[in-house]
C-alpha cells in the first residue's frame, strides 16, 4: 500500500521515487517536502482524518520518503 501511495505522489509531482520506473536524477528539497506532504496526507486519509496525529503522520512520511530518496 505504501508503494502505491508513493507511486501516486510520484505521478502527481512528476518526480522519480526510487523503485519507480522514472529517472535517477536527484530530488530537490522542495520536491522531497512535497512528497512528504502528500504521503502524510495519504496516512491521514487512511485513518479517516482523525485529528491529533498530524505530527506522527508527517514524521513517518518523512522517514519513509527520505529513506527511499537516498537508497
Foldseek 3Di string as FASTA:
>chain_A
DLVVQLVVLCVVVVHDFAVDPDDLDADDPVSLQSSLVSQLVVVCVVVVVDPDCSVVSSVVSSVVRVVRRVD
